[in-house]
Every structure is written in structure tokens, then in C-alpha cells.
Amino acid sequence: MRRTITCLVALSALLLGGCAADQRSNALTETLLAYANAVRWDGFPSAWQFVDPKVREKHPLTSLDQARFQQVRVSDYDDGNGAVPDGKNQVTQVVKISLINRNTQSERSVIDHQTWRYDPVAKRWWLESGLPDITQ
């Protein structure tokens, strides 16, 4: 009887741990998709909401940054191989973003190296690397 209870407790702990990992993984997938859609369709002001609040506070968007983001339209967002784990609550991904200048209609691409951090308290992923540098 004691063995059965011990096995059940151990099995329950493993299953609950797996559920937490699944929730975090599902949240990551949903967040990355929502961020890509925000960049692609809503523009960088919407994508700004995915940036970690601490990063937003330390590095607020300047009026020059906002003007630069308004000057371009995203024509493609290619996340290539997707996110790669980089620690327990962190992933990185490299994204190629194609931009069209609204004034000249010329297209160019930038590479965005993203770092995402999972906040277990808020149960959400935050972009720690900030918005892409579109001046490169």
C-alpha cells in the first residue's frame, strides 16, 4: 500500500511538472505568433507592448524611433528555425524582417536577434531585447 501511494505521488509530481512546462511552451508559441502578427500587421507601436516593462522604462521610444517605425511597412517576417532555449526561462530567436520604405518604396531587410524571458509570476513571455534596430 505504501509503495502504491509513493508511486502515485511521484507520478503526480512528474505530471504536474510536465503540465507547467506545457503551459510555458504554449504561452511561448502564442506570444511569438502574436508578436509576429503585431509587427507584420499592426506595426511597431503594437509590438512595443511585448517588450519587458523594465526595458521599456529604461529605454523608452524616442520621437525619432517612432518616426522611423512609421516610415516603414513590414512586408515579411521570417523566424527561420524558431526559438531556441537559452536557459530555464529564456529563449532566443533570429528573425529576418523585410521592410518597405513608405516614401521611396524600396525594400530592405534587417536581422533581429530576439531574447525572450518567461515571467513565472505573470505567466507570460517578455521580449528583453527590445524592438528591432531598423537603421542597420
C-alpha atoms as a PDB file:
ATOM      1  CA  MET A   1       0.000   0.000   0.000  1.00  0.00           C
ATOM      2  CA  ARG A   2       2.775   2.380   0.950  1.00  0.00           C
ATOM      3  CA  ARG A   3       4.583   1.656  -2.343  1.00  0.00           C
ATOM      4  CA  THR A   4       1.448   2.398  -4.316  1.00  0.00           C
ATOM      5  CA  ILE A   5       0.941   5.734  -2.600  1.00  0.00           C
ATOM      6  CA  THR A   6       4.608   6.657  -3.092  1.00  0.00           C
ATOM      7  CA  CYS A   7       4.410   5.758  -6.791  1.00  0.00           C
ATOM      8  CA  LEU A   8       1.220   7.771  -7.215  1.00  0.00           C
ATOM      9  CA  VAL A   9       2.733  10.812  -5.516  1.00  0.00           C
ATOM     10  CA  ALA A  10       5.873  10.582  -7.669  1.00  0.00           C
ATOM     11  CA  LEU A  11       3.811  10.149 -10.837  1.00  0.00           C
ATOM     12  CA  SER A  12       1.595  13.100  -9.919  1.00  0.00           C
ATOM     13  CA  ALA A  13       4.640  15.302  -9.359  1.00  0.00           C
ATOM     14  CA  LEU A  14       6.035  14.355 -12.776  1.00  0.00           C
ATOM     15  CA  LEU A  15       2.727  15.029 -14.500  1.00  0.00           C
ATOM     16  CA  LEU A  16       2.286  18.396 -12.810  1.00  0.00           C
ATOM     17  CA  GLY A  17       5.814  19.380 -13.757  1.00  0.00           C
ATOM     18  CA  GLY A  18       5.065  18.398 -17.338  1.00  0.00           C
ATOM     19  CA  CYS A  19       1.871  20.467 -17.294  1.00  0.00           C
ATOM     20  CA  ALA A  20       3.775  23.551 -16.169  1.00  0.00           C
ATOM     21  CA  ALA A  21       6.312  23.058 -18.953  1.00  0.00           C
ATOM     22  CA  ASP A  22       3.482  22.595 -21.455  1.00  0.00           C
ATOM     23  CA  GLN A  23       1.795  25.803 -20.263  1.00  0.00           C
ATOM     24  CA  ARG A  24       5.057  27.715 -20.625  1.00  0.00           C
ATOM     25  CA  SER A  25       5.666  26.216 -24.064  1.00  0.00           C
ATOM     26  CA  ASN A  26       2.122  27.001 -25.213  1.00  0.00           C
ATOM     27  CA  ALA A  27       2.448  30.544 -23.887  1.00  0.00           C
ATOM     28  CA  LEU A  28       5.712  30.947 -25.827  1.00  0.00           C
ATOM     29  CA  THR A  29       4.153  29.721 -29.067  1.00  0.00           C
ATOM     30  CA  GLU A  30       1.159  32.034 -28.646  1.00  0.00           C
ATOM     31  CA  THR A  31       3.357  35.011 -27.707  1.00  0.00           C
ATOM     32  CA  LEU A  32       5.758  34.583 -30.622  1.00  0.00           C
ATOM     33  CA  LEU A  33       2.857  34.289 -33.055  1.00  0.00           C
ATOM     34  CA  ALA A  34       1.082  37.310 -31.580  1.00  0.00           C
ATOM     35  CA  TYR A  35       4.304  39.344 -31.696  1.00  0.00           C
ATOM     36  CA  ALA A  36       4.956  38.375 -35.326  1.00  0.00           C
ATOM     37  CA  ASN A  37       1.385  39.372 -36.208  1.00  0.00           C
ATOM     38  CA  ALA A  38       1.753  42.663 -34.340  1.00  0.00           C
ATOM     39  CA  VAL A  39       4.968  43.503 -36.199  1.00  0.00           C
ATOM     40  CA  ARG A  40       3.620  42.364 -39.559  1.00  0.00           C
ATOM     41  CA  TRP A  41       0.092  43.784 -39.447  1.00  0.00           C
ATOM     42  CA  ASP A  42      -0.274  46.332 -36.633  1.00  0.00           C
ATOM     43  CA  GLY A  43       3.163  47.881 -36.720  1.00  0.00           C
ATOM     44  CA  PHE A  44       5.843  48.516 -34.171  1.00  0.00           C
ATOM     45  CA  PRO A  45       3.707  50.533 -31.716  1.00  0.00           C
ATOM     46  CA  SER A  46       1.643  47.366 -31.088  1.00  0.00           C
ATOM     47  CA  ALA A  47       4.794  45.249 -30.871  1.00  0.00           C
ATOM     48  CA  TRP A  48       6.110  47.637 -28.200  1.00  0.00           C
ATOM     49  CA  GLN A  49       3.596  46.113 -25.755  1.00  0.00           C
ATOM     50  CA  PHE A  50       5.534  42.802 -25.876  1.00  0.00           C
ATOM     51  CA  VAL A  51       8.736  44.436 -24.634  1.00  0.00           C
ATOM     52  CA  ASP A  52       9.549  43.834 -20.980  1.00  0.00           C
ATOM     53  CA  PRO A  53       8.199  46.771 -18.915  1.00  0.00           C
ATOM     54  CA  LYS A  54      11.600  47.166 -17.228  1.00  0.00           C
ATOM     55  CA  VAL A  55      13.252  47.521 -20.639  1.00  0.00           C
ATOM     56  CA  ARG A  56      10.562  49.987 -21.775  1.00  0.00           C
ATOM     57  CA  GLU A  57      11.198  52.073 -18.676  1.00  0.00           C
ATOM     58  CA  LYS A  58      14.991  52.098 -19.118  1.00  0.00           C
ATOM     59  CA  HIS A  59      14.897  52.610 -22.898  1.00  0.00           C
ATOM     60  CA  PRO A  60      11.712  54.449 -23.882  1.00  0.00           C
ATOM     61  CA  LEU A  61      10.938  55.001 -27.554  1.00  0.00           C
ATOM     62  CA  THR A  62      12.107  58.421 -28.652  1.00  0.00           C
ATOM     63  CA  SER A  63      10.177  60.542 -31.115  1.00  0.00           C
ATOM     64  CA  LEU A  64      12.923  59.771 -33.657  1.00  0.00           C
ATOM     65  CA  ASP A  65      12.419  56.000 -33.121  1.00  0.00           C
ATOM     66  CA  GLN A  66       8.669  56.405 -33.565  1.00  0.00           C
ATOM     67  CA  ALA A  67       9.153  58.412 -36.773  1.00  0.00           C
ATOM     68  CA  ARG A  68      11.489  55.743 -38.159  1.00  0.00           C
ATOM     69  CA  PHE A  69       8.989  52.988 -37.416  1.00  0.00           C
ATOM     70  CA  GLN A  70       6.194  54.986 -39.066  1.00  0.00           C
ATOM     71  CA  GLN A  71       8.312  55.417 -42.191  1.00  0.00           C
ATOM     72  CA  VAL A  72       8.420  51.669 -42.933  1.00  0.00           C
ATOM     73  CA  ARG A  73       5.941  48.897 -43.607  1.00  0.00           C
ATOM     74  CA  VAL A  74       6.776  45.269 -42.876  1.00  0.00           C
ATOM     75  CA  SER A  75       6.492  43.059 -45.945  1.00  0.00           C
ATOM     76  CA  ASP A  76       7.845  39.826 -44.460  1.00  0.00           C
ATOM     77  CA  TYR A  77       8.642  38.364 -41.058  1.00  0.00           C
ATOM     78  CA  ASP A  78      10.718  35.175 -41.276  1.00  0.00           C
ATOM     79  CA  ASP A  79      11.504  33.486 -37.974  1.00  0.00           C
ATOM     80  CA  GLY A  80      13.515  30.759 -39.733  1.00  0.00           C
ATOM     81  CA  ASN A  81      14.123  27.935 -37.295  1.00  0.00           C
ATOM     82  CA  GLY A  82      12.068  29.430 -34.480  1.00  0.00           C
ATOM     83  CA  ALA A  83      13.034  29.905 -30.858  1.00  0.00           C
ATOM     84  CA  VAL A  84      15.991  28.126 -29.266  1.00  0.00           C
ATOM     85  CA  PRO A  85      16.141  27.527 -25.493  1.00  0.00           C
ATOM     86  CA  ASP A  86      18.836  29.574 -23.785  1.00  0.00           C
ATOM     87  CA  GLY A  87      18.423  28.720 -20.119  1.00  0.00           C
ATOM     88  CA  LYS A  88      15.481  27.681 -17.981  1.00  0.00           C
ATOM     89  CA  ASN A  89      13.189  30.649 -18.636  1.00  0.00           C
ATOM     90  CA  GLN A  90      14.776  32.171 -21.704  1.00  0.00           C
ATOM     91  CA  VAL A  91      14.774  31.589 -25.449  1.00  0.00           C
ATOM     92  CA  THR A  92      16.440  33.341 -28.355  1.00  0.00           C
ATOM     93  CA  GLN A  93      15.463  33.581 -31.975  1.00  0.00           C
ATOM     94  CA  VAL A  94      16.827  35.243 -35.070  1.00  0.00           C
ATOM     95  CA  VAL A  95      14.265  36.859 -37.353  1.00  0.00           C
ATOM     96  CA  LYS A  96      14.664  38.383 -40.792  1.00  0.00           C
ATOM     97  CA  ILE A  97      12.292  41.320 -41.222  1.00  0.00           C
ATOM     98  CA  SER A  98      11.750  42.812 -44.668  1.00  0.00           C
ATOM     99  CA  LEU A  99      10.807  46.489 -44.640  1.00  0.00           C
ATOM    100  CA  ILE A 100       9.437  48.772 -47.335  1.00  0.00           C
ATOM    101  CA  ASN A 101      10.183  52.478 -47.047  1.00  0.00           C
ATOM    102  CA  ARG A 102       6.835  54.265 -47.421  1.00  0.00           C
ATOM    103  CA  ASN A 103       8.451  57.219 -49.213  1.00  0.00           C
ATOM    104  CA  THR A 104      10.794  55.502 -51.673  1.00  0.00           C
ATOM    105  CA  GLN A 105       9.038  52.106 -51.924  1.00  0.00           C
ATOM    106  CA  SER A 106      12.458  50.454 -51.670  1.00  0.00           C
ATOM    107  CA  GLU A 107      12.676  47.186 -49.775  1.00  0.00           C
ATOM    108  CA  ARG A 108      15.437  46.078 -47.442  1.00  0.00           C
ATOM    109  CA  SER A 109      15.868  43.509 -44.697  1.00  0.00           C
ATOM    110  CA  VAL A 110      17.124  43.668 -41.131  1.00  0.00           C
ATOM    111  CA  ILE A 111      18.141  40.837 -38.836  1.00  0.00           C
ATOM    112  CA  ASP A 112      16.562  40.942 -35.390  1.00  0.00           C
ATOM    113  CA  HIS A 113      18.245  38.957 -32.608  1.00  0.00           C
ATOM    114  CA  GLN A 114      15.479  38.450 -30.053  1.00  0.00           C
ATOM    115  CA  THR A 115      15.758  37.368 -26.437  1.00  0.00           C
ATOM    116  CA  TRP A 116      12.550  36.306 -24.702  1.00  0.00           C
ATOM    117  CA  ARG A 117      12.208  35.758 -20.936  1.00  0.00           C
ATOM    118  CA  TYR A 118       9.436  33.879 -19.171  1.00  0.00           C
ATOM    119  CA  ASP A 119       7.991  35.565 -16.083  1.00  0.00           C
ATOM    120  CA  PRO A 120       6.643  32.728 -13.887  1.00  0.00           C
ATOM    121  CA  VAL A 121       4.694  35.157 -11.698  1.00  0.00           C
ATOM    122  CA  ALA A 122       2.871  36.854 -14.575  1.00  0.00           C
ATOM    123  CA  LYS A 123       2.930  33.583 -16.557  1.00  0.00           C
ATOM    124  CA  ARG A 124       3.918  35.334 -19.761  1.00  0.00           C
ATOM    125  CA  TRP A 125       6.878  35.863 -22.044  1.00  0.00           C
ATOM    126  CA  TRP A 126       8.562  39.259 -22.388  1.00  0.00           C
ATOM    127  CA  LEU A 127      10.832  40.495 -25.158  1.00  0.00           C
ATOM    128  CA  GLU A 128      14.006  41.612 -23.406  1.00  0.00           C
ATOM    129  CA  SER A 129      15.969  42.632 -26.479  1.00  0.00           C
ATOM    130  CA  GLY A 130      13.578  45.415 -27.409  1.00  0.00           C
ATOM    131  CA  LEU A 131      12.245  46.296 -30.845  1.00  0.00           C
ATOM    132  CA  PRO A 132      14.483  45.625 -33.839  1.00  0.00           C
ATOM    133  CA  ASP A 133      17.084  48.125 -34.940  1.00  0.00           C
ATOM    134  CA  ILE A 134      15.708  49.141 -38.328  1.00  0.00           C
ATOM    135  CA  THR A 135      18.617  51.520 -39.019  1.00  0.00           C
ATOM    136  CA  GLN A 136      21.068  48.674 -39.741  1.00  0.00           C
END
